[in-house]
Amino acid sequence: MHTDHCGANRRPAERMLTGVTTLLVEKGMVSLEDLERRAGGGVPVSDPVAQLAVLQTENSEAPEARFSPGDTVRVIATPTPGHTRCPAYVRGKEGLIQLVYPLAYYPELRAHSTVKRREHSYAVEFTAAQLWRGRDPDQTVLVELFES
């Protein structure tokens, strides 16, 4: 089976087709084997969503945001298999909460599982120098991260 690894090197139409194909296979509407037989070869599907214990609570919601603007936070450094919305380059790094967003469903869970988890997300600012060596310490990067 070919895995897509988030489609970073694919064109938008290919990423969309891979995403739709993955959902059809995951939901049992068609088998990967049948698709590959009809296509006459391999059909790409995306990697699974990361299996994070904190995301496995069924139908949960955190009504109060854990962090506030101005709080310093450290992003979880643990590498995870599968896709998450947390870029690898911010893992283990400290950032400053700039903005708290309202509750929202965690997108990968909403698309790929029956778990319905709503949580806050944040605009977190990091200095470019902290993320990459040799960068200007006055430059910053703003990353949107879910609370978990």
C-alpha atoms as a PDB file:
ATOM      1  CA  MET A   1       0.000   0.000   0.000  1.00  0.00           C
ATOM      2  CA  HIS A   2       1.318   3.451  -0.871  1.00  0.00           C
ATOM      3  CA  THR A   3       1.052   6.101   1.820  1.00  0.00           C
ATOM      4  CA  ASP A   4       0.707   9.737   0.946  1.00  0.00           C
ATOM      5  CA  HIS A   5       2.437  11.383   3.952  1.00  0.00           C
ATOM      6  CA  CYS A   6       0.065  14.374   3.872  1.00  0.00           C
ATOM      7  CA  GLY A   7       0.527  14.984   0.155  1.00  0.00           C
ATOM      8  CA  ALA A   8       3.254  17.586   0.575  1.00  0.00           C
ATOM      9  CA  ASN A   9       4.638  17.022  -2.929  1.00  0.00           C
ATOM     10  CA  ARG A  10       1.306  16.592  -4.688  1.00  0.00           C
ATOM     11  CA  ARG A  11      -0.784  19.089  -6.589  1.00  0.00           C
ATOM     12  CA  PRO A  12      -4.065  20.256  -4.959  1.00  0.00           C
ATOM     13  CA  ALA A  13      -6.270  18.050  -7.171  1.00  0.00           C
ATOM     14  CA  GLU A  14      -4.135  14.987  -6.359  1.00  0.00           C
ATOM     15  CA  ARG A  15      -4.291  15.761  -2.628  1.00  0.00           C
ATOM     16  CA  MET A  16      -8.066  16.111  -2.827  1.00  0.00           C
ATOM     17  CA  LEU A  17      -8.433  12.826  -4.733  1.00  0.00           C
ATOM     18  CA  THR A  18      -6.148  11.070  -2.228  1.00  0.00           C
ATOM     19  CA  GLY A  19      -8.197  12.483   0.660  1.00  0.00           C
ATOM     20  CA  VAL A  20     -11.519  11.388  -0.833  1.00  0.00           C
ATOM     21  CA  THR A  21     -10.118   7.945  -1.697  1.00  0.00           C
ATOM     22  CA  THR A  22      -8.801   7.544   1.853  1.00  0.00           C
ATOM     23  CA  LEU A  23     -12.186   8.434   3.370  1.00  0.00           C
ATOM     24  CA  LEU A  24     -14.029   6.022   1.054  1.00  0.00           C
ATOM     25  CA  VAL A  25     -11.680   3.189   2.061  1.00  0.00           C
ATOM     26  CA  GLU A  26     -11.782   4.096   5.787  1.00  0.00           C
ATOM     27  CA  LYS A  27     -15.594   4.229   5.820  1.00  0.00           C
ATOM     28  CA  GLY A  28     -15.794   0.833   4.087  1.00  0.00           C
ATOM     29  CA  MET A  29     -17.573   2.131   1.002  1.00  0.00           C
ATOM     30  CA  VAL A  30     -14.949   0.540  -1.253  1.00  0.00           C
ATOM     31  CA  SER A  31     -11.931  -1.650  -0.633  1.00  0.00           C
ATOM     32  CA  LEU A  32      -8.417  -0.553  -1.501  1.00  0.00           C
ATOM     33  CA  GLU A  33      -7.931  -3.878  -3.291  1.00  0.00           C
ATOM     34  CA  ASP A  34     -10.954  -3.230  -5.529  1.00  0.00           C
ATOM     35  CA  LEU A  35      -9.736   0.300  -6.337  1.00  0.00           C
ATOM     36  CA  GLU A  36      -6.256  -0.964  -7.192  1.00  0.00           C
ATOM     37  CA  ARG A  37      -7.671  -3.762  -9.341  1.00  0.00           C
ATOM     38  CA  ARG A  38      -9.831  -1.292 -11.289  1.00  0.00           C
ATOM     39  CA  ALA A  39      -6.979   1.218 -11.591  1.00  0.00           C
ATOM     40  CA  GLY A  40      -4.526  -1.428 -12.729  1.00  0.00           C
ATOM     41  CA  GLY A  41      -1.998  -0.529 -10.046  1.00  0.00           C
ATOM     42  CA  GLY A  42      -1.365   1.171  -6.729  1.00  0.00           C
ATOM     43  CA  VAL A  43      -3.786   3.790  -5.427  1.00  0.00           C
ATOM     44  CA  PRO A  44      -2.387   6.281  -2.881  1.00  0.00           C
ATOM     45  CA  VAL A  45      -4.088   6.675   0.488  1.00  0.00           C
ATOM     46  CA  SER A  46      -3.112   8.978   3.330  1.00  0.00           C
ATOM     47  CA  ASP A  47      -1.345   7.960   6.520  1.00  0.00           C
ATOM     48  CA  PRO A  48      -3.660   7.383   9.478  1.00  0.00           C
ATOM     49  CA  VAL A  49      -4.428  10.133  11.940  1.00  0.00           C
ATOM     50  CA  ALA A  50      -2.027  10.071  14.874  1.00  0.00           C
ATOM     51  CA  GLN A  51      -3.286   7.928  17.734  1.00  0.00           C
ATOM     52  CA  LEU A  52      -2.901  10.325  20.645  1.00  0.00           C
ATOM     53  CA  ALA A  53      -4.344   9.124  23.956  1.00  0.00           C
ATOM     54  CA  VAL A  54      -5.559  12.638  24.770  1.00  0.00           C
ATOM     55  CA  LEU A  55      -7.746  12.599  21.645  1.00  0.00           C
ATOM     56  CA  GLN A  56      -9.447   9.279  22.275  1.00  0.00           C
ATOM     57  CA  THR A  57     -12.131  10.539  24.671  1.00  0.00           C
ATOM     58  CA  GLU A  58     -15.533  10.114  23.044  1.00  0.00           C
ATOM     59  CA  ASN A  59     -17.755  13.194  22.716  1.00  0.00           C
ATOM     60  CA  SER A  60     -15.688  15.414  24.999  1.00  0.00           C
ATOM     61  CA  GLU A  61     -15.440  19.154  25.312  1.00  0.00           C
ATOM     62  CA  ALA A  62     -13.220  21.525  27.273  1.00  0.00           C
ATOM     63  CA  PRO A  63     -15.464  24.582  27.856  1.00  0.00           C
ATOM     64  CA  GLU A  64     -12.705  26.677  29.435  1.00  0.00           C
ATOM     65  CA  ALA A  65      -9.500  27.400  27.562  1.00  0.00           C
ATOM     66  CA  ARG A  66      -6.484  26.098  29.470  1.00  0.00           C
ATOM     67  CA  PHE A  67      -4.280  28.998  28.358  1.00  0.00           C
ATOM     68  CA  SER A  68      -4.715  32.770  27.937  1.00  0.00           C
ATOM     69  CA  PRO A  69      -3.035  35.410  25.759  1.00  0.00           C
ATOM     70  CA  GLY A  70       0.386  36.186  27.211  1.00  0.00           C
ATOM     71  CA  ASP A  71       0.935  32.674  28.616  1.00  0.00           C
ATOM     72  CA  THR A  72       4.165  30.919  27.715  1.00  0.00           C
ATOM     73  CA  VAL A  73       3.621  27.314  26.615  1.00  0.00           C
ATOM     74  CA  ARG A  74       5.838  24.435  25.582  1.00  0.00           C
ATOM     75  CA  VAL A  75       4.581  22.255  22.747  1.00  0.00           C
ATOM     76  CA  ILE A  76       4.523  18.516  23.398  1.00  0.00           C
ATOM     77  CA  ALA A  77       7.763  17.070  22.017  1.00  0.00           C
ATOM     78  CA  THR A  78       6.657  13.458  21.580  1.00  0.00           C
ATOM     79  CA  PRO A  79       6.811  12.346  17.937  1.00  0.00           C
ATOM     80  CA  THR A  80       3.550  10.803  16.767  1.00  0.00           C
ATOM     81  CA  PRO A  81       2.778   8.328  14.011  1.00  0.00           C
ATOM     82  CA  GLY A  82       0.294   9.586  11.450  1.00  0.00           C
ATOM     83  CA  HIS A  83      -0.903  13.104  10.750  1.00  0.00           C
ATOM     84  CA  THR A  84      -1.390  15.890  13.300  1.00  0.00           C
ATOM     85  CA  ARG A  85      -1.776  19.606  12.811  1.00  0.00           C
ATOM     86  CA  CYS A  86       1.283  20.255  14.956  1.00  0.00           C
ATOM     87  CA  PRO A  87       4.324  20.945  12.769  1.00  0.00           C
ATOM     88  CA  ALA A  88       7.436  18.999  13.773  1.00  0.00           C
ATOM     89  CA  TYR A  89       9.529  22.177  13.880  1.00  0.00           C
ATOM     90  CA  VAL A  90       7.588  23.550  16.914  1.00  0.00           C
ATOM     91  CA  ARG A  91       7.574  20.343  18.971  1.00  0.00           C
ATOM     92  CA  GLY A  92       9.394  20.819  22.265  1.00  0.00           C
ATOM     93  CA  LYS A  93       9.670  24.583  21.695  1.00  0.00           C
ATOM     94  CA  GLU A  94       8.330  27.400  23.863  1.00  0.00           C
ATOM     95  CA  GLY A  95       5.946  29.937  22.409  1.00  0.00           C
ATOM     96  CA  LEU A  96       3.719  32.771  23.545  1.00  0.00           C
ATOM     97  CA  ILE A  97      -0.079  32.535  23.302  1.00  0.00           C
ATOM     98  CA  GLN A  98      -1.294  35.481  21.225  1.00  0.00           C
ATOM     99  CA  LEU A  99      -4.937  34.528  20.667  1.00  0.00           C
ATOM    100  CA  VAL A 100      -7.441  31.945  21.922  1.00  0.00           C
ATOM    101  CA  TYR A 101      -9.947  30.640  19.387  1.00  0.00           C
ATOM    102  CA  PRO A 102     -13.445  29.384  20.258  1.00  0.00           C
ATOM    103  CA  LEU A 103     -14.184  25.692  20.678  1.00  0.00           C
ATOM    104  CA  ALA A 104     -13.943  23.707  17.455  1.00  0.00           C
ATOM    105  CA  TYR A 105     -13.979  20.052  16.479  1.00  0.00           C
ATOM    106  CA  TYR A 106     -10.539  18.531  16.106  1.00  0.00           C
ATOM    107  CA  PRO A 107     -10.546  18.188  12.277  1.00  0.00           C
ATOM    108  CA  GLU A 108      -8.730  14.867  11.804  1.00  0.00           C
ATOM    109  CA  LEU A 109     -10.937  13.127  14.348  1.00  0.00           C
ATOM    110  CA  ARG A 110     -14.054  14.589  12.778  1.00  0.00           C
ATOM    111  CA  ALA A 111     -13.020  13.292   9.356  1.00  0.00           C
ATOM    112  CA  HIS A 112     -11.473   9.937  10.233  1.00  0.00           C
ATOM    113  CA  SER A 113     -13.224   8.579  13.341  1.00  0.00           C
ATOM    114  CA  THR A 114     -16.400   8.565  15.385  1.00  0.00           C
ATOM    115  CA  VAL A 115     -14.731  10.524  18.201  1.00  0.00           C
ATOM    116  CA  LYS A 116     -16.214  14.003  18.489  1.00  0.00           C
ATOM    117  CA  ARG A 117     -13.853  16.192  20.487  1.00  0.00           C
ATOM    118  CA  ARG A 118     -14.203  19.957  20.687  1.00  0.00           C
ATOM    119  CA  GLU A 119     -11.337  21.948  22.105  1.00  0.00           C
ATOM    120  CA  HIS A 120      -9.765  25.372  21.943  1.00  0.00           C
ATOM    121  CA  SER A 121      -6.981  26.244  19.576  1.00  0.00           C
ATOM    122  CA  TYR A 122      -4.433  28.999  19.917  1.00  0.00           C
ATOM    123  CA  ALA A 123      -2.307  31.335  17.844  1.00  0.00           C
ATOM    124  CA  VAL A 124       1.139  30.676  19.321  1.00  0.00           C
ATOM    125  CA  GLU A 125       4.089  32.916  18.461  1.00  0.00           C
ATOM    126  CA  PHE A 126       7.627  31.529  18.273  1.00  0.00           C
ATOM    127  CA  THR A 127      10.840  33.397  17.531  1.00  0.00           C
ATOM    128  CA  ALA A 128      12.347  32.239  14.263  1.00  0.00           C
ATOM    129  CA  ALA A 129      15.741  31.956  15.993  1.00  0.00           C
ATOM    130  CA  GLN A 130      14.304  29.464  18.470  1.00  0.00           C
ATOM    131  CA  LEU A 131      12.922  27.297  15.659  1.00  0.00           C
ATOM    132  CA  TRP A 132      15.838  27.444  13.211  1.00  0.00           C
ATOM    133  CA  ARG A 133      19.515  28.186  13.835  1.00  0.00           C
ATOM    134  CA  GLY A 134      20.915  31.376  12.421  1.00  0.00           C
ATOM    135  CA  ARG A 135      17.575  33.174  12.023  1.00  0.00           C
ATOM    136  CA  ASP A 136      16.934  36.773  12.994  1.00  0.00           C
ATOM    137  CA  PRO A 137      15.736  36.811  16.647  1.00  0.00           C
ATOM    138  CA  ASP A 138      13.379  39.684  15.805  1.00  0.00           C
ATOM    139  CA  GLN A 139      11.425  37.571  13.290  1.00  0.00           C
ATOM    140  CA  THR A 140       8.534  35.512  14.584  1.00  0.00           C
ATOM    141  CA  VAL A 141       6.340  32.693  13.343  1.00  0.00           C
ATOM    142  CA  LEU A 142       2.680  32.374  14.289  1.00  0.00           C
ATOM    143  CA  VAL A 143       1.344  28.796  14.402  1.00  0.00           C
ATOM    144  CA  GLU A 144      -2.237  27.738  15.109  1.00  0.00           C
ATOM    145  CA  LEU A 145      -2.283  24.771  17.485  1.00  0.00           C
ATOM    146  CA  PHE A 146      -5.057  22.783  19.126  1.00  0.00           C
ATOM    147  CA  GLU A 147      -4.911  22.513  22.913  1.00  0.00           C
ATOM    148  CA  SER A 148      -4.167  18.792  22.925  1.00  0.00           C
END
